[in-house]
């Protein structure tokens, strides 16, 4: 996963310009966006993308982190 791919997928989930230009979003559509963004952040953080790991660190109420000691 690269930053470019992350941002591309992030904006696709938001519906491109529609998110920034729309003044009203259907509740179910918003829930789908939130779910998609959260899954993208988790997937990207789990493969070590620094952008996504920083987002996880800055959103502690949304993402639970753990470490495994070997």
C-alpha atoms as a PDB file:
ATOM      1  CA  UNK A   1       0.000   0.000   0.000  1.00  0.00           C
ATOM      2  CA  UNK A   2       1.353   3.407  -0.945  1.00  0.00           C
ATOM      3  CA  UNK A   3       0.186   6.853   0.165  1.00  0.00           C
ATOM      4  CA  UNK A   4      -1.053   7.494  -3.376  1.00  0.00           C
ATOM      5  CA  UNK A   5      -3.149   4.310  -3.384  1.00  0.00           C
ATOM      6  CA  UNK A   6      -4.437   5.043   0.133  1.00  0.00           C
ATOM      7  CA  UNK A   7      -5.595   8.538  -0.820  1.00  0.00           C
ATOM      8  CA  UNK A   8      -7.143   7.243  -4.048  1.00  0.00           C
ATOM      9  CA  UNK A   9      -9.138   4.569  -2.201  1.00  0.00           C
ATOM     10  CA  UNK A  10     -10.059   7.054   0.544  1.00  0.00           C
ATOM     11  CA  UNK A  11     -11.524   9.493  -1.977  1.00  0.00           C
ATOM     12  CA  UNK A  12     -13.320   6.701  -3.837  1.00  0.00           C
ATOM     13  CA  UNK A  13     -15.033   5.724  -0.583  1.00  0.00           C
ATOM     14  CA  UNK A  14     -16.122   9.338  -0.095  1.00  0.00           C
ATOM     15  CA  UNK A  15     -17.507   9.471  -3.615  1.00  0.00           C
ATOM     16  CA  UNK A  16     -14.910  11.903  -4.923  1.00  0.00           C
ATOM     17  CA  UNK A  17     -15.978  15.523  -5.155  1.00  0.00           C
ATOM     18  CA  UNK A  18     -19.512  14.596  -4.132  1.00  0.00           C
ATOM     19  CA  UNK A  19     -18.541  14.508  -0.448  1.00  0.00           C
ATOM     20  CA  UNK A  20     -17.137  18.039  -0.473  1.00  0.00           C
ATOM     21  CA  UNK A  21     -19.790  19.518  -2.741  1.00  0.00           C
ATOM     22  CA  UNK A  22     -22.878  17.927  -1.210  1.00  0.00           C
ATOM     23  CA  UNK A  23     -24.668  19.624   1.660  1.00  0.00           C
ATOM     24  CA  UNK A  24     -26.712  16.572   2.678  1.00  0.00           C
ATOM     25  CA  UNK A  25     -25.673  12.919   2.804  1.00  0.00           C
ATOM     26  CA  UNK A  26     -28.103  10.067   3.400  1.00  0.00           C
ATOM     27  CA  UNK A  27     -27.516   8.430   6.812  1.00  0.00           C
ATOM     28  CA  UNK A  28     -26.999   4.949   5.350  1.00  0.00           C
ATOM     29  CA  UNK A  29     -24.553   6.344   2.792  1.00  0.00           C
ATOM     30  CA  UNK A  30     -22.665   8.098   5.593  1.00  0.00           C
ATOM     31  CA  UNK A  31     -22.488   4.871   7.630  1.00  0.00           C
ATOM     32  CA  UNK A  32     -21.124   3.047   4.565  1.00  0.00           C
ATOM     33  CA  UNK A  33     -18.469   5.751   4.119  1.00  0.00           C
ATOM     34  CA  UNK A  34     -17.470   5.569   7.786  1.00  0.00           C
ATOM     35  CA  UNK A  35     -17.220   1.786   7.645  1.00  0.00           C
ATOM     36  CA  UNK A  36     -15.228   1.853   4.413  1.00  0.00           C
ATOM     37  CA  UNK A  37     -12.801   4.470   5.706  1.00  0.00           C
ATOM     38  CA  UNK A  38     -12.263   2.626   8.991  1.00  0.00           C
ATOM     39  CA  UNK A  39     -11.577  -0.640   7.160  1.00  0.00           C
ATOM     40  CA  UNK A  40      -9.160   1.096   4.777  1.00  0.00           C
ATOM     41  CA  UNK A  41      -7.266   2.693   7.669  1.00  0.00           C
ATOM     42  CA  UNK A  42      -7.028  -0.636   9.518  1.00  0.00           C
ATOM     43  CA  UNK A  43      -5.931  -2.534   6.416  1.00  0.00           C
ATOM     44  CA  UNK A  44      -3.296   0.070   5.621  1.00  0.00           C
ATOM     45  CA  UNK A  45      -2.025   0.383   9.195  1.00  0.00           C
ATOM     46  CA  UNK A  46      -1.733  -3.387   9.471  1.00  0.00           C
ATOM     47  CA  UNK A  47       0.639  -3.471   6.493  1.00  0.00           C
ATOM     48  CA  UNK A  48       2.686  -0.649   8.015  1.00  0.00           C
ATOM     49  CA  UNK A  49       1.679   2.403   5.974  1.00  0.00           C
ATOM     50  CA  UNK A  50       2.957   5.337   8.100  1.00  0.00           C
ATOM     51  CA  UNK A  51       0.074   7.595   7.047  1.00  0.00           C
ATOM     52  CA  UNK A  52      -2.478   5.079   8.320  1.00  0.00           C
ATOM     53  CA  UNK A  53      -0.570   4.236  11.511  1.00  0.00           C
ATOM     54  CA  UNK A  54      -0.464   7.952  12.311  1.00  0.00           C
ATOM     55  CA  UNK A  55      -4.229   8.197  11.767  1.00  0.00           C
ATOM     56  CA  UNK A  56      -4.760   5.257  14.150  1.00  0.00           C
ATOM     57  CA  UNK A  57      -2.566   6.932  16.759  1.00  0.00           C
ATOM     58  CA  UNK A  58      -4.505  10.198  16.440  1.00  0.00           C
ATOM     59  CA  UNK A  59      -7.910   8.486  16.685  1.00  0.00           C
ATOM     60  CA  UNK A  60      -7.639   6.390  19.884  1.00  0.00           C
ATOM     61  CA  UNK A  61     -11.400   6.329  20.464  1.00  0.00           C
ATOM     62  CA  UNK A  62     -11.990   4.812  17.041  1.00  0.00           C
ATOM     63  CA  UNK A  63      -9.170   2.277  16.841  1.00  0.00           C
ATOM     64  CA  UNK A  64      -7.929  -0.196  19.412  1.00  0.00           C
ATOM     65  CA  UNK A  65      -4.286  -1.174  19.119  1.00  0.00           C
ATOM     66  CA  UNK A  66      -2.378  -4.006  20.655  1.00  0.00           C
ATOM     67  CA  UNK A  67       1.048  -5.524  20.447  1.00  0.00           C
ATOM     68  CA  UNK A  68       2.098  -9.118  20.557  1.00  0.00           C
ATOM     69  CA  UNK A  69       5.189  -9.888  22.544  1.00  0.00           C
ATOM     70  CA  UNK A  70       7.019 -12.941  21.321  1.00  0.00           C
END
